[in-house]
Amino acid sequence: MPIDPQSLIDKIKALPADRMVEVDDFVDFIRQREQERALTRAAAAASVASFASIWNNPEDDAYDAL
């Protein structure tokens, strides 16, 4: 469900100052978590080619059938 950014801003402006600090901390937490997830996805994508020869070999074909 899309959120109107202005509506969110208005809600934040209506909060007491101490609650605004909490919202600010939470937004920073969300942004950091998203950056970490993006880095993890990028690292995983970059390692696929390196691990392809390790994961795809005749010795492990028995595990592929499980």
PDB file of N, CA and C in Angstrom:
ATOM      1  N   MET A   1       0.856  -1.177   0.000  1.00  0.00           N
ATOM      2  CA  MET A   1       0.000   0.000   0.000  1.00  0.00           C
ATOM      3  C   MET A   1       0.901   1.240   0.000  1.00  0.00           C
ATOM      4  N   PRO A   2       0.790   2.062  -1.020  1.00  0.00           N
ATOM      5  CA  PRO A   2       1.638   3.259  -1.088  1.00  0.00           C
ATOM      6  C   PRO A   2       1.287   4.265   0.007  1.00  0.00           C
ATOM      7  N   ILE A   3       2.324   4.902   0.505  1.00  0.00           N
ATOM      8  CA  ILE A   3       2.147   5.912   1.544  1.00  0.00           C
ATOM      9  C   ILE A   3       2.479   7.265   0.964  1.00  0.00           C
ATOM     10  N   ASP A   4       1.647   8.223   1.271  1.00  0.00           N
ATOM     11  CA  ASP A   4       1.896   9.594   0.839  1.00  0.00           C
ATOM     12  C   ASP A   4       3.004  10.172   1.718  1.00  0.00           C
ATOM     13  N   PRO A   5       4.155  10.515   1.124  1.00  0.00           N
ATOM     14  CA  PRO A   5       5.261  11.036   1.932  1.00  0.00           C
ATOM     15  C   PRO A   5       4.876  12.262   2.763  1.00  0.00           C
ATOM     16  N   GLN A   6       4.049  13.124   2.211  1.00  0.00           N
ATOM     17  CA  GLN A   6       3.661  14.324   2.956  1.00  0.00           C
ATOM     18  C   GLN A   6       2.841  13.966   4.189  1.00  0.00           C
ATOM     19  N   SER A   7       1.989  12.950   4.060  1.00  0.00           N
ATOM     20  CA  SER A   7       1.203  12.489   5.203  1.00  0.00           C
ATOM     21  C   SER A   7       2.114  11.967   6.313  1.00  0.00           C
ATOM     22  N   LEU A   8       3.144  11.238   5.914  1.00  0.00           N
ATOM     23  CA  LEU A   8       4.107  10.730   6.890  1.00  0.00           C
ATOM     24  C   LEU A   8       4.858  11.881   7.567  1.00  0.00           C
ATOM     25  N   ILE A   9       5.261  12.849   6.787  1.00  0.00           N
ATOM     26  CA  ILE A   9       5.951  14.023   7.334  1.00  0.00           C
ATOM     27  C   ILE A   9       5.049  14.749   8.332  1.00  0.00           C
ATOM     28  N   ASP A  10       3.792  14.921   7.974  1.00  0.00           N
ATOM     29  CA  ASP A  10       2.838  15.593   8.873  1.00  0.00           C
ATOM     30  C   ASP A  10       2.687  14.831  10.187  1.00  0.00           C
ATOM     31  N   LYS A  11       2.630  13.515  10.115  1.00  0.00           N
ATOM     32  CA  LYS A  11       2.518  12.704  11.331  1.00  0.00           C
ATOM     33  C   LYS A  11       3.753  12.874  12.208  1.00  0.00           C
ATOM     34  N   ILE A  12       4.914  12.884  11.572  1.00  0.00           N
ATOM     35  CA  ILE A  12       6.157  13.040  12.338  1.00  0.00           C
ATOM     36  C   ILE A  12       6.214  14.423  12.980  1.00  0.00           C
ATOM     37  N   LYS A  13       5.813  15.441  12.247  1.00  0.00           N
ATOM     38  CA  LYS A  13       5.824  16.811  12.781  1.00  0.00           C
ATOM     39  C   LYS A  13       4.905  16.952  13.994  1.00  0.00           C
ATOM     40  N   ALA A  14       3.865  16.142  14.063  1.00  0.00           N
ATOM     41  CA  ALA A  14       2.909  16.228  15.165  1.00  0.00           C
ATOM     42  C   ALA A  14       3.404  15.527  16.429  1.00  0.00           C
ATOM     43  N   LEU A  15       4.492  14.797  16.327  1.00  0.00           N
ATOM     44  CA  LEU A  15       5.026  14.075  17.484  1.00  0.00           C
ATOM     45  C   LEU A  15       5.792  15.015  18.417  1.00  0.00           C
ATOM     46  N   PRO A  16       5.859  14.643  19.689  1.00  0.00           N
ATOM     47  CA  PRO A  16       6.722  15.387  20.613  1.00  0.00           C
ATOM     48  C   PRO A  16       8.191  15.196  20.194  1.00  0.00           C
ATOM     49  N   ALA A  17       9.039  16.117  20.595  1.00  0.00           N
ATOM     50  CA  ALA A  17      10.447  16.105  20.179  1.00  0.00           C
ATOM     51  C   ALA A  17      11.150  14.798  20.516  1.00  0.00           C
ATOM     52  N   ASP A  18      10.883  14.244  21.700  1.00  0.00           N
ATOM     53  CA  ASP A  18      11.565  13.008  22.076  1.00  0.00           C
ATOM     54  C   ASP A  18      11.158  11.832  21.186  1.00  0.00           C
ATOM     55  N   ARG A  19       9.922  11.847  20.716  1.00  0.00           N
ATOM     56  CA  ARG A  19       9.469  10.789  19.803  1.00  0.00           C
ATOM     57  C   ARG A  19      10.071  10.981  18.411  1.00  0.00           C
ATOM     58  N   MET A  20      10.290  12.228  18.007  1.00  0.00           N
ATOM     59  CA  MET A  20      10.934  12.494  16.716  1.00  0.00           C
ATOM     60  C   MET A  20      12.339  11.909  16.701  1.00  0.00           C
ATOM     61  N   VAL A  21      13.015  11.994  17.843  1.00  0.00           N
ATOM     62  CA  VAL A  21      14.353  11.408  17.949  1.00  0.00           C
ATOM     63  C   VAL A  21      14.276   9.900  17.731  1.00  0.00           C
ATOM     64  N   GLU A  22      13.269   9.262  18.302  1.00  0.00           N
ATOM     65  CA  GLU A  22      13.092   7.822  18.116  1.00  0.00           C
ATOM     66  C   GLU A  22      12.836   7.489  16.648  1.00  0.00           C
ATOM     67  N   VAL A  23      11.993   8.287  16.002  1.00  0.00           N
ATOM     68  CA  VAL A  23      11.694   8.063  14.581  1.00  0.00           C
ATOM     69  C   VAL A  23      12.967   8.227  13.752  1.00  0.00           C
ATOM     70  N   ASP A  24      13.745   9.245  14.060  1.00  0.00           N
ATOM     71  CA  ASP A  24      14.991   9.487  13.340  1.00  0.00           C
ATOM     72  C   ASP A  24      15.942   8.297  13.504  1.00  0.00           C
ATOM     73  N   ASP A  25      16.061   7.798  14.723  1.00  0.00           N
ATOM     74  CA  ASP A  25      16.915   6.631  14.966  1.00  0.00           C
ATOM     75  C   ASP A  25      16.414   5.419  14.194  1.00  0.00           C
ATOM     76  N   PHE A  26      15.090   5.236  14.185  1.00  0.00           N
ATOM     77  CA  PHE A  26      14.525   4.088  13.491  1.00  0.00           C
ATOM     78  C   PHE A  26      14.757   4.180  11.984  1.00  0.00           C
ATOM     79  N   VAL A  27      14.592   5.366  11.420  1.00  0.00           N
ATOM     80  CA  VAL A  27      14.833   5.554   9.987  1.00  0.00           C
ATOM     81  C   VAL A  27      16.299   5.253   9.668  1.00  0.00           C
ATOM     82  N   ASP A  28      17.212   5.725  10.508  1.00  0.00           N
ATOM     83  CA  ASP A  28      18.632   5.418  10.304  1.00  0.00           C
ATOM     84  C   ASP A  28      18.879   3.914  10.354  1.00  0.00           C
ATOM     85  N   PHE A  29      18.222   3.240  11.288  1.00  0.00           N
ATOM     86  CA  PHE A  29      18.351   1.784  11.405  1.00  0.00           C
ATOM     87  C   PHE A  29      17.864   1.097  10.142  1.00  0.00           C
ATOM     88  N   ILE A  30      16.718   1.494   9.635  1.00  0.00           N
ATOM     89  CA  ILE A  30      16.157   0.891   8.421  1.00  0.00           C
ATOM     90  C   ILE A  30      17.089   1.116   7.231  1.00  0.00           C
ATOM     91  N   ARG A  31      17.599   2.333   7.091  1.00  0.00           N
ATOM     92  CA  ARG A  31      18.499   2.634   5.981  1.00  0.00           C
ATOM     93  C   ARG A  31      19.776   1.807   6.069  1.00  0.00           C
ATOM     94  N   GLN A  32      20.336   1.681   7.265  1.00  0.00           N
ATOM     95  CA  GLN A  32      21.555   0.893   7.433  1.00  0.00           C
ATOM     96  C   GLN A  32      21.301  -0.571   7.104  1.00  0.00           C
ATOM     97  N   ARG A  33      20.178  -1.094   7.578  1.00  0.00           N
ATOM     98  CA  ARG A  33      19.832  -2.487   7.312  1.00  0.00           C
ATOM     99  C   ARG A  33      19.678  -2.718   5.809  1.00  0.00           C
ATOM    100  N   GLU A  34      19.062  -1.776   5.108  1.00  0.00           N
ATOM    101  CA  GLU A  34      18.891  -1.910   3.664  1.00  0.00           C
ATOM    102  C   GLU A  34      20.234  -1.867   2.948  1.00  0.00           C
ATOM    103  N   GLN A  35      21.142  -1.016   3.393  1.00  0.00           N
ATOM    104  CA  GLN A  35      22.478  -0.958   2.797  1.00  0.00           C
ATOM    105  C   GLN A  35      23.218  -2.273   3.013  1.00  0.00           C
ATOM    106  N   GLU A  36      23.101  -2.836   4.203  1.00  0.00           N
ATOM    107  CA  GLU A  36      23.753  -4.110   4.503  1.00  0.00           C
ATOM    108  C   GLU A  36      23.176  -5.229   3.651  1.00  0.00           C
ATOM    109  N   ARG A  37      21.877  -5.223   3.458  1.00  0.00           N
ATOM    110  CA  ARG A  37      21.251  -6.251   2.620  1.00  0.00           C
ATOM    111  C   ARG A  37      21.686  -6.105   1.175  1.00  0.00           C
ATOM    112  N   ALA A  38      21.782  -4.878   0.701  1.00  0.00           N
ATOM    113  CA  ALA A  38      22.233  -4.649  -0.675  1.00  0.00           C
ATOM    114  C   ALA A  38      23.666  -5.142  -0.847  1.00  0.00           C
ATOM    115  N   LEU A  39      24.507  -4.895   0.140  1.00  0.00           N
ATOM    116  CA  LEU A  39      25.889  -5.356   0.085  1.00  0.00           C
ATOM    117  C   LEU A  39      25.946  -6.883   0.095  1.00  0.00           C
ATOM    118  N   THR A  40      25.126  -7.501   0.904  1.00  0.00           N
ATOM    119  CA  THR A  40      25.076  -8.967   0.963  1.00  0.00           C
ATOM    120  C   THR A  40      24.629  -9.543  -0.368  1.00  0.00           C
ATOM    121  N   ARG A  41      23.585  -8.941  -0.976  1.00  0.00           N
ATOM    122  CA  ARG A  41      23.114  -9.417  -2.285  1.00  0.00           C
ATOM    123  C   ARG A  41      24.193  -9.250  -3.349  1.00  0.00           C
ATOM    124  N   ALA A  42      24.898  -8.125  -3.318  1.00  0.00           N
ATOM    125  CA  ALA A  42      25.956  -7.880  -4.302  1.00  0.00           C
ATOM    126  C   ALA A  42      27.095  -8.875  -4.123  1.00  0.00           C
ATOM    127  N   ALA A  43      27.471  -9.144  -2.884  1.00  0.00           N
ATOM    128  CA  ALA A  43      28.546 -10.102  -2.626  1.00  0.00           C
ATOM    129  C   ALA A  43      28.138 -11.509  -3.071  1.00  0.00           C
ATOM    130  N   ALA A  44      26.910 -11.879  -2.819  1.00  0.00           N
ATOM    131  CA  ALA A  44      26.434 -13.199  -3.236  1.00  0.00           C
ATOM    132  C   ALA A  44      26.432 -13.313  -4.755  1.00  0.00           C
ATOM    133  N   ALA A  45      25.960 -12.272  -5.421  1.00  0.00           N
ATOM    134  CA  ALA A  45      25.933 -12.291  -6.888  1.00  0.00           C
ATOM    135  C   ALA A  45      27.348 -12.360  -7.463  1.00  0.00           C
ATOM    136  N   ALA A  46      28.272 -11.660  -6.843  1.00  0.00           N
ATOM    137  CA  ALA A  46      29.655 -11.657  -7.332  1.00  0.00           C
ATOM    138  C   ALA A  46      30.335 -13.003  -7.112  1.00  0.00           C
ATOM    139  N   SER A  47      29.913 -13.753  -6.115  1.00  0.00           N
ATOM    140  CA  SER A  47      30.572 -15.022  -5.812  1.00  0.00           C
ATOM    141  C   SER A  47      29.999 -16.203  -6.587  1.00  0.00           C
ATOM    142  N   VAL A  48      28.888 -16.030  -7.262  1.00  0.00           N
ATOM    143  CA  VAL A  48      28.252 -17.149  -7.971  1.00  0.00           C
ATOM    144  C   VAL A  48      29.214 -17.780  -8.972  1.00  0.00           C
ATOM    145  N   ALA A  49      29.860 -16.975  -9.781  1.00  0.00           N
ATOM    146  CA  ALA A  49      30.772 -17.526 -10.795  1.00  0.00           C
ATOM    147  C   ALA A  49      31.942 -18.258 -10.135  1.00  0.00           C
ATOM    148  N   SER A  50      32.443 -17.721  -9.041  1.00  0.00           N
ATOM    149  CA  SER A  50      33.574 -18.351  -8.358  1.00  0.00           C
ATOM    150  C   SER A  50      33.213 -19.716  -7.795  1.00  0.00           C
ATOM    151  N   PHE A  51      32.003 -19.841  -7.291  1.00  0.00           N
ATOM    152  CA  PHE A  51      31.595 -21.094  -6.672  1.00  0.00           C
ATOM    153  C   PHE A  51      30.976 -22.082  -7.654  1.00  0.00           C
ATOM    154  N   ALA A  52      30.700 -21.662  -8.874  1.00  0.00           N
ATOM    155  CA  ALA A  52      30.034 -22.541  -9.834  1.00  0.00           C
ATOM    156  C   ALA A  52      30.818 -23.830 -10.045  1.00  0.00           C
ATOM    157  N   SER A  53      32.128 -23.736 -10.189  1.00  0.00           N
ATOM    158  CA  SER A  53      32.918 -24.942 -10.422  1.00  0.00           C
ATOM    159  C   SER A  53      32.970 -25.842  -9.182  1.00  0.00           C
ATOM    160  N   ILE A  54      32.826 -25.245  -8.014  1.00  0.00           N
ATOM    161  CA  ILE A  54      32.831 -26.030  -6.781  1.00  0.00           C
ATOM    162  C   ILE A  54      31.492 -26.730  -6.594  1.00  0.00           C
ATOM    163  N   TRP A  55      30.416 -26.007  -6.870  1.00  0.00           N
ATOM    164  CA  TRP A  55      29.079 -26.562  -6.658  1.00  0.00           C
ATOM    165  C   TRP A  55      28.672 -27.546  -7.749  1.00  0.00           C
ATOM    166  N   ASN A  56      29.132 -27.332  -8.943  1.00  0.00           N
ATOM    167  CA  ASN A  56      28.731 -28.165 -10.080  1.00  0.00           C
ATOM    168  C   ASN A  56      29.889 -29.072 -10.470  1.00  0.00           C
ATOM    169  N   ASN A  57      29.903 -30.265  -9.882  1.00  0.00           N
ATOM    170  CA  ASN A  57      30.946 -31.227 -10.218  1.00  0.00           C
ATOM    171  C   ASN A  57      30.364 -32.628 -10.115  1.00  0.00           C
ATOM    172  N   PRO A  58      30.966 -33.570 -10.821  1.00  0.00           N
ATOM    173  CA  PRO A  58      30.418 -34.939 -10.844  1.00  0.00           C
ATOM    174  C   PRO A  58      30.331 -35.598  -9.475  1.00  0.00           C
ATOM    175  N   GLU A  59      31.265 -35.280  -8.591  1.00  0.00           N
ATOM    176  CA  GLU A  59      31.254 -35.897  -7.270  1.00  0.00           C
ATOM    177  C   GLU A  59      30.000 -35.535  -6.467  1.00  0.00           C
ATOM    178  N   ASP A  60      29.443 -34.377  -6.737  1.00  0.00           N
ATOM    179  CA  ASP A  60      28.275 -33.919  -5.988  1.00  0.00           C
ATOM    180  C   ASP A  60      26.958 -34.183  -6.700  1.00  0.00           C
ATOM    181  N   ASP A  61      26.984 -34.858  -7.835  1.00  0.00           N
ATOM    182  CA  ASP A  61      25.746 -35.121  -8.573  1.00  0.00           C
ATOM    183  C   ASP A  61      24.735 -35.906  -7.748  1.00  0.00           C
ATOM    184  N   ALA A  62      25.204 -36.760  -6.852  1.00  0.00           N
ATOM    185  CA  ALA A  62      24.291 -37.537  -6.017  1.00  0.00           C
ATOM    186  C   ALA A  62      23.444 -36.621  -5.136  1.00  0.00           C
ATOM    187  N   TYR A  63      24.042 -35.525  -4.678  1.00  0.00           N
ATOM    188  CA  TYR A  63      23.307 -34.584  -3.825  1.00  0.00           C
ATOM    189  C   TYR A  63      22.250 -33.806  -4.612  1.00  0.00           C
ATOM    190  N   ASP A  64      22.500 -33.613  -5.906  1.00  0.00           N
ATOM    191  CA  ASP A  64      21.542 -32.895  -6.736  1.00  0.00           C
ATOM    192  C   ASP A  64      20.221 -33.660  -6.869  1.00  0.00           C
ATOM    193  N   ALA A  65      20.283 -34.956  -6.747  1.00  0.00           N
ATOM    194  CA  ALA A  65      19.089 -35.798  -6.899  1.00  0.00           C
ATOM    195  C   ALA A  65      18.237 -35.841  -5.634  1.00  0.00           C
ATOM    196  N   LEU A  66      18.747 -35.333  -4.535  1.00  0.00           N
ATOM    197  CA  LEU A  66      17.992 -35.404  -3.269  1.00  0.00           C
ATOM    198  C   LEU A  66      16.821 -34.473  -3.244  1.00  0.00           C
TER     199      LEU A  66
END
